[in-house]
Amino acid sequence: MRAAQHGRSTEAEVRAILEEAVKPEGRIKLGSLLADIGGRTKLTDEELTVFEQRDKSPAEPLELK
């Protein structure tokens, strides 16, 4: 009945219910948390330059033998 009220399939409704259960309102999102931490660190321009100049090439996958 709930799926019909929301205009979606039963499977889609179950997915929505599960998503609501694991992502409750008021949760702290990772991006917001990192931005807040970054804002509080008060890095100097010189320190920021170090981060901007880091190696940005893709990491090589780990080989397990």
PDB file of N, CA and C in Angstrom:
ATOM      1  N   MET A   1       0.837  -1.182   0.000  1.00  0.00           N
ATOM      2  CA  MET A   1       0.000   0.000   0.000  1.00  0.00           C
ATOM      3  C   MET A   1       0.889   1.256   0.000  1.00  0.00           C
ATOM      4  N   ARG A   2       1.951   1.225   0.790  1.00  0.00           N
ATOM      5  CA  ARG A   2       2.835   2.392   0.863  1.00  0.00           C
ATOM      6  C   ARG A   2       3.509   2.663  -0.480  1.00  0.00           C
ATOM      7  N   ALA A   3       3.938   1.594  -1.180  1.00  0.00           N
ATOM      8  CA  ALA A   3       4.562   1.754  -2.495  1.00  0.00           C
ATOM      9  C   ALA A   3       3.600   2.414  -3.473  1.00  0.00           C
ATOM     10  N   ALA A   4       2.363   1.973  -3.451  1.00  0.00           N
ATOM     11  CA  ALA A   4       1.358   2.552  -4.340  1.00  0.00           C
ATOM     12  C   ALA A   4       1.123   4.023  -4.015  1.00  0.00           C
ATOM     13  N   GLN A   5       1.123   4.363  -2.747  1.00  0.00           N
ATOM     14  CA  GLN A   5       0.918   5.762  -2.347  1.00  0.00           C
ATOM     15  C   GLN A   5       2.042   6.658  -2.851  1.00  0.00           C
ATOM     16  N   HIS A   6       3.257   6.088  -2.916  1.00  0.00           N
ATOM     17  CA  HIS A   6       4.413   6.857  -3.380  1.00  0.00           C
ATOM     18  C   HIS A   6       4.655   6.698  -4.880  1.00  0.00           C
ATOM     19  N   GLY A   7       3.826   5.895  -5.545  1.00  0.00           N
ATOM     20  CA  GLY A   7       3.935   5.737  -6.987  1.00  0.00           C
ATOM     21  C   GLY A   7       5.165   4.983  -7.430  1.00  0.00           C
ATOM     22  N   ARG A   8       5.562   3.971  -6.679  1.00  0.00           N
ATOM     23  CA  ARG A   8       6.732   3.176  -7.067  1.00  0.00           C
ATOM     24  C   ARG A   8       6.477   1.694  -6.794  1.00  0.00           C
ATOM     25  N   SER A   9       7.392   0.880  -7.297  1.00  0.00           N
ATOM     26  CA  SER A   9       7.258  -0.563  -7.119  1.00  0.00           C
ATOM     27  C   SER A   9       7.524  -0.939  -5.667  1.00  0.00           C
ATOM     28  N   THR A  10       7.143  -2.151  -5.333  1.00  0.00           N
ATOM     29  CA  THR A  10       7.400  -2.635  -3.968  1.00  0.00           C
ATOM     30  C   THR A  10       8.904  -2.654  -3.693  1.00  0.00           C
ATOM     31  N   GLU A  11       9.680  -3.106  -4.686  1.00  0.00           N
ATOM     32  CA  GLU A  11      11.139  -3.149  -4.516  1.00  0.00           C
ATOM     33  C   GLU A  11      11.701  -1.748  -4.281  1.00  0.00           C
ATOM     34  N   ALA A  12      11.254  -0.787  -5.065  1.00  0.00           N
ATOM     35  CA  ALA A  12      11.735   0.590  -4.903  1.00  0.00           C
ATOM     36  C   ALA A  12      11.344   1.140  -3.539  1.00  0.00           C
ATOM     37  N   GLU A  13      10.164   0.770  -3.065  1.00  0.00           N
ATOM     38  CA  GLU A  13       9.721   1.231  -1.747  1.00  0.00           C
ATOM     39  C   GLU A  13      10.580   0.628  -0.643  1.00  0.00           C
ATOM     40  N   VAL A  14      10.886  -0.668  -0.769  1.00  0.00           N
ATOM     41  CA  VAL A  14      11.741  -1.326   0.227  1.00  0.00           C
ATOM     42  C   VAL A  14      13.114  -0.669   0.244  1.00  0.00           C
ATOM     43  N   ARG A  15      13.643  -0.359  -0.928  1.00  0.00           N
ATOM     44  CA  ARG A  15      14.949   0.328  -0.995  1.00  0.00           C
ATOM     45  C   ARG A  15      14.882   1.690  -0.297  1.00  0.00           C
ATOM     46  N   ALA A  16      13.801   2.415  -0.529  1.00  0.00           N
ATOM     47  CA  ALA A  16      13.636   3.732   0.100  1.00  0.00           C
ATOM     48  C   ALA A  16      13.557   3.599   1.617  1.00  0.00           C
ATOM     49  N   ILE A  17      12.831   2.589   2.094  1.00  0.00           N
ATOM     50  CA  ILE A  17      12.711   2.355   3.541  1.00  0.00           C
ATOM     51  C   ILE A  17      14.078   2.045   4.137  1.00  0.00           C
ATOM     52  N   LEU A  18      14.839   1.177   3.458  1.00  0.00           N
ATOM     53  CA  LEU A  18      16.179   0.833   3.951  1.00  0.00           C
ATOM     54  C   LEU A  18      17.101   2.041   3.943  1.00  0.00           C
ATOM     55  N   GLU A  19      17.018   2.847   2.891  1.00  0.00           N
ATOM     56  CA  GLU A  19      17.862   4.046   2.816  1.00  0.00           C
ATOM     57  C   GLU A  19      17.544   5.008   3.954  1.00  0.00           C
ATOM     58  N   GLU A  20      16.276   5.192   4.245  1.00  0.00           N
ATOM     59  CA  GLU A  20      15.875   6.059   5.358  1.00  0.00           C
ATOM     60  C   GLU A  20      16.392   5.524   6.692  1.00  0.00           C
ATOM     61  N   ALA A  21      16.409   4.202   6.824  1.00  0.00           N
ATOM     62  CA  ALA A  21      16.840   3.589   8.083  1.00  0.00           C
ATOM     63  C   ALA A  21      18.330   3.764   8.330  1.00  0.00           C
ATOM     64  N   VAL A  22      19.139   3.696   7.272  1.00  0.00           N
ATOM     65  CA  VAL A  22      20.587   3.777   7.455  1.00  0.00           C
ATOM     66  C   VAL A  22      21.135   5.188   7.307  1.00  0.00           C
ATOM     67  N   LYS A  23      20.321   6.105   6.800  1.00  0.00           N
ATOM     68  CA  LYS A  23      20.742   7.492   6.644  1.00  0.00           C
ATOM     69  C   LYS A  23      19.752   8.405   7.363  1.00  0.00           C
ATOM     70  N   PRO A  24      19.763   8.368   8.681  1.00  0.00           N
ATOM     71  CA  PRO A  24      18.792   9.178   9.418  1.00  0.00           C
ATOM     72  C   PRO A  24      19.056  10.679   9.264  1.00  0.00           C
ATOM     73  N   GLU A  25      18.001  11.465   9.436  1.00  0.00           N
ATOM     74  CA  GLU A  25      18.140  12.924   9.398  1.00  0.00           C
ATOM     75  C   GLU A  25      19.089  13.366  10.502  1.00  0.00           C
ATOM     76  N   GLY A  26      19.803  14.424  10.237  1.00  0.00           N
ATOM     77  CA  GLY A  26      20.706  14.961  11.239  1.00  0.00           C
ATOM     78  C   GLY A  26      22.087  14.333  11.213  1.00  0.00           C
ATOM     79  N   ARG A  27      22.283  13.373  10.309  1.00  0.00           N
ATOM     80  CA  ARG A  27      23.602  12.745  10.256  1.00  0.00           C
ATOM     81  C   ARG A  27      24.603  13.739   9.706  1.00  0.00           C
ATOM     82  N   ILE A  28      25.838  13.578  10.060  1.00  0.00           N
ATOM     83  CA  ILE A  28      26.890  14.448   9.565  1.00  0.00           C
ATOM     84  C   ILE A  28      27.455  13.821   8.299  1.00  0.00           C
ATOM     85  N   LYS A  29      27.406  14.561   7.213  1.00  0.00           N
ATOM     86  CA  LYS A  29      27.925  14.063   5.947  1.00  0.00           C
ATOM     87  C   LYS A  29      29.436  14.267   5.915  1.00  0.00           C
ATOM     88  N   LEU A  30      30.145  13.321   5.304  1.00  0.00           N
ATOM     89  CA  LEU A  30      31.599  13.339   5.291  1.00  0.00           C
ATOM     90  C   LEU A  30      32.154  14.629   4.685  1.00  0.00           C
ATOM     91  N   GLY A  31      31.598  15.049   3.556  1.00  0.00           N
ATOM     92  CA  GLY A  31      32.090  16.271   2.912  1.00  0.00           C
ATOM     93  C   GLY A  31      31.952  17.488   3.809  1.00  0.00           C
ATOM     94  N   SER A  32      30.832  17.585   4.490  1.00  0.00           N
ATOM     95  CA  SER A  32      30.616  18.712   5.404  1.00  0.00           C
ATOM     96  C   SER A  32      31.591  18.658   6.571  1.00  0.00           C
ATOM     97  N   LEU A  33      31.819  17.450   7.081  1.00  0.00           N
ATOM     98  CA  LEU A  33      32.749  17.287   8.195  1.00  0.00           C
ATOM     99  C   LEU A  33      34.166  17.680   7.785  1.00  0.00           C
ATOM    100  N   LEU A  34      34.597  17.219   6.603  1.00  0.00           N
ATOM    101  CA  LEU A  34      35.945  17.554   6.134  1.00  0.00           C
ATOM    102  C   LEU A  34      36.094  19.049   5.870  1.00  0.00           C
ATOM    103  N   ALA A  35      35.068  19.676   5.310  1.00  0.00           N
ATOM    104  CA  ALA A  35      35.123  21.120   5.074  1.00  0.00           C
ATOM    105  C   ALA A  35      35.226  21.876   6.390  1.00  0.00           C
ATOM    106  N   ASP A  36      34.507  21.415   7.407  1.00  0.00           N
ATOM    107  CA  ASP A  36      34.558  22.044   8.721  1.00  0.00           C
ATOM    108  C   ASP A  36      35.953  21.898   9.334  1.00  0.00           C
ATOM    109  N   ILE A  37      36.516  20.713   9.233  1.00  0.00           N
ATOM    110  CA  ILE A  37      37.869  20.483   9.768  1.00  0.00           C
ATOM    111  C   ILE A  37      38.866  21.372   9.033  1.00  0.00           C
ATOM    112  N   GLY A  38      38.733  21.423   7.695  1.00  0.00           N
ATOM    113  CA  GLY A  38      39.637  22.259   6.900  1.00  0.00           C
ATOM    114  C   GLY A  38      39.545  23.727   7.286  1.00  0.00           C
ATOM    115  N   GLY A  39      38.336  24.180   7.562  1.00  0.00           N
ATOM    116  CA  GLY A  39      38.150  25.574   7.957  1.00  0.00           C
ATOM    117  C   GLY A  39      38.761  25.897   9.304  1.00  0.00           C
ATOM    118  N   ARG A  40      38.824  24.907  10.176  1.00  0.00           N
ATOM    119  CA  ARG A  40      39.370  25.136  11.515  1.00  0.00           C
ATOM    120  C   ARG A  40      40.887  25.002  11.584  1.00  0.00           C
ATOM    121  N   THR A  41      41.511  24.404  10.561  1.00  0.00           N
ATOM    122  CA  THR A  41      42.961  24.194  10.616  1.00  0.00           C
ATOM    123  C   THR A  41      43.745  25.466  10.400  1.00  0.00           C
ATOM    124  N   LYS A  42      43.158  26.416   9.659  1.00  0.00           N
ATOM    125  CA  LYS A  42      43.797  27.713   9.400  1.00  0.00           C
ATOM    126  C   LYS A  42      45.209  27.540   8.826  1.00  0.00           C
ATOM    127  N   LEU A  43      45.286  26.744   7.741  1.00  0.00           N
ATOM    128  CA  LEU A  43      46.571  26.546   7.079  1.00  0.00           C
ATOM    129  C   LEU A  43      47.049  27.833   6.428  1.00  0.00           C
ATOM    130  N   THR A  44      48.357  27.999   6.370  1.00  0.00           N
ATOM    131  CA  THR A  44      48.929  29.154   5.687  1.00  0.00           C
ATOM    132  C   THR A  44      48.898  28.893   4.181  1.00  0.00           C
ATOM    133  N   ASP A  45      49.124  29.932   3.379  1.00  0.00           N
ATOM    134  CA  ASP A  45      49.178  29.769   1.928  1.00  0.00           C
ATOM    135  C   ASP A  45      50.280  28.792   1.535  1.00  0.00           C
ATOM    136  N   GLU A  46      51.398  28.845   2.245  1.00  0.00           N
ATOM    137  CA  GLU A  46      52.522  27.945   1.968  1.00  0.00           C
ATOM    138  C   GLU A  46      52.119  26.485   2.222  1.00  0.00           C
ATOM    139  N   GLU A  47      51.395  26.244   3.299  1.00  0.00           N
ATOM    140  CA  GLU A  47      50.957  24.885   3.613  1.00  0.00           C
ATOM    141  C   GLU A  47      49.934  24.380   2.591  1.00  0.00           C
ATOM    142  N   LEU A  48      49.058  25.250   2.134  1.00  0.00           N
ATOM    143  CA  LEU A  48      48.086  24.865   1.114  1.00  0.00           C
ATOM    144  C   LEU A  48      48.768  24.511  -0.201  1.00  0.00           C
ATOM    145  N   THR A  49      49.829  25.224  -0.534  1.00  0.00           N
ATOM    146  CA  THR A  49      50.572  24.964  -1.760  1.00  0.00           C
ATOM    147  C   THR A  49      51.130  23.547  -1.764  1.00  0.00           C
ATOM    148  N   VAL A  50      51.571  23.061  -0.622  1.00  0.00           N
ATOM    149  CA  VAL A  50      52.097  21.699  -0.522  1.00  0.00           C
ATOM    150  C   VAL A  50      51.025  20.700  -0.936  1.00  0.00           C
ATOM    151  N   PHE A  51      49.800  20.887  -0.493  1.00  0.00           N
ATOM    152  CA  PHE A  51      48.711  19.980  -0.846  1.00  0.00           C
ATOM    153  C   PHE A  51      48.387  20.058  -2.335  1.00  0.00           C
ATOM    154  N   GLU A  52      48.436  21.267  -2.891  1.00  0.00           N
ATOM    155  CA  GLU A  52      48.105  21.444  -4.300  1.00  0.00           C
ATOM    156  C   GLU A  52      49.157  20.828  -5.210  1.00  0.00           C
ATOM    157  N   GLN A  53      50.397  20.708  -4.745  1.00  0.00           N
ATOM    158  CA  GLN A  53      51.481  20.201  -5.574  1.00  0.00           C
ATOM    159  C   GLN A  53      51.722  18.708  -5.381  1.00  0.00           C
ATOM    160  N   ARG A  54      50.889  18.049  -4.614  1.00  0.00           N
ATOM    161  CA  ARG A  54      51.099  16.625  -4.368  1.00  0.00           C
ATOM    162  C   ARG A  54      50.906  15.828  -5.648  1.00  0.00           C
ATOM    163  N   ASP A  55      51.416  14.633  -5.662  1.00  0.00           N
ATOM    164  CA  ASP A  55      51.290  13.729  -6.804  1.00  0.00           C
ATOM    165  C   ASP A  55      49.829  13.344  -6.981  1.00  0.00           C
ATOM    166  N   LYS A  56      49.262  13.672  -8.130  1.00  0.00           N
ATOM    167  CA  LYS A  56      47.845  13.390  -8.372  1.00  0.00           C
ATOM    168  C   LYS A  56      47.655  12.222  -9.334  1.00  0.00           C
ATOM    169  N   SER A  57      48.730  11.490  -9.614  1.00  0.00           N
ATOM    170  CA  SER A  57      48.589  10.348 -10.518  1.00  0.00           C
ATOM    171  C   SER A  57      47.812   9.237  -9.812  1.00  0.00           C
ATOM    172  N   PRO A  58      47.090   8.425 -10.592  1.00  0.00           N
ATOM    173  CA  PRO A  58      46.300   7.354  -9.968  1.00  0.00           C
ATOM    174  C   PRO A  58      47.183   6.368  -9.215  1.00  0.00           C
ATOM    175  N   ALA A  59      46.681   5.884  -8.138  1.00  0.00           N
ATOM    176  CA  ALA A  59      47.418   4.899  -7.339  1.00  0.00           C
ATOM    177  C   ALA A  59      47.443   3.570  -8.068  1.00  0.00           C
ATOM    178  N   GLU A  60      48.526   2.844  -7.928  1.00  0.00           N
ATOM    179  CA  GLU A  60      48.635   1.509  -8.512  1.00  0.00           C
ATOM    180  C   GLU A  60      47.921   0.515  -7.615  1.00  0.00           C
ATOM    181  N   PRO A  61      47.166  -0.418  -8.211  1.00  0.00           N
ATOM    182  CA  PRO A  61      46.483  -1.412  -7.381  1.00  0.00           C
ATOM    183  C   PRO A  61      47.485  -2.326  -6.695  1.00  0.00           C
ATOM    184  N   LEU A  62      47.117  -2.789  -5.540  1.00  0.00           N
ATOM    185  CA  LEU A  62      47.958  -3.678  -4.752  1.00  0.00           C
ATOM    186  C   LEU A  62      47.931  -5.066  -5.363  1.00  0.00           C
ATOM    187  N   GLU A  63      49.105  -5.681  -5.533  1.00  0.00           N
ATOM    188  CA  GLU A  63      49.156  -7.050  -6.040  1.00  0.00           C
ATOM    189  C   GLU A  63      49.359  -8.011  -4.887  1.00  0.00           C
ATOM    190  N   LEU A  64      48.417  -8.892  -4.710  1.00  0.00           N
ATOM    191  CA  LEU A  64      48.514  -9.908  -3.667  1.00  0.00           C
ATOM    192  C   LEU A  64      48.927 -11.219  -4.312  1.00  0.00           C
ATOM    193  N   LYS A  65      49.976 -11.810  -3.794  1.00  0.00           N
ATOM    194  CA  LYS A  65      50.476 -13.067  -4.382  1.00  0.00           C
ATOM    195  C   LYS A  65      50.330 -14.193  -3.398  1.00  0.00           C
TER     196      LYS A  65
END
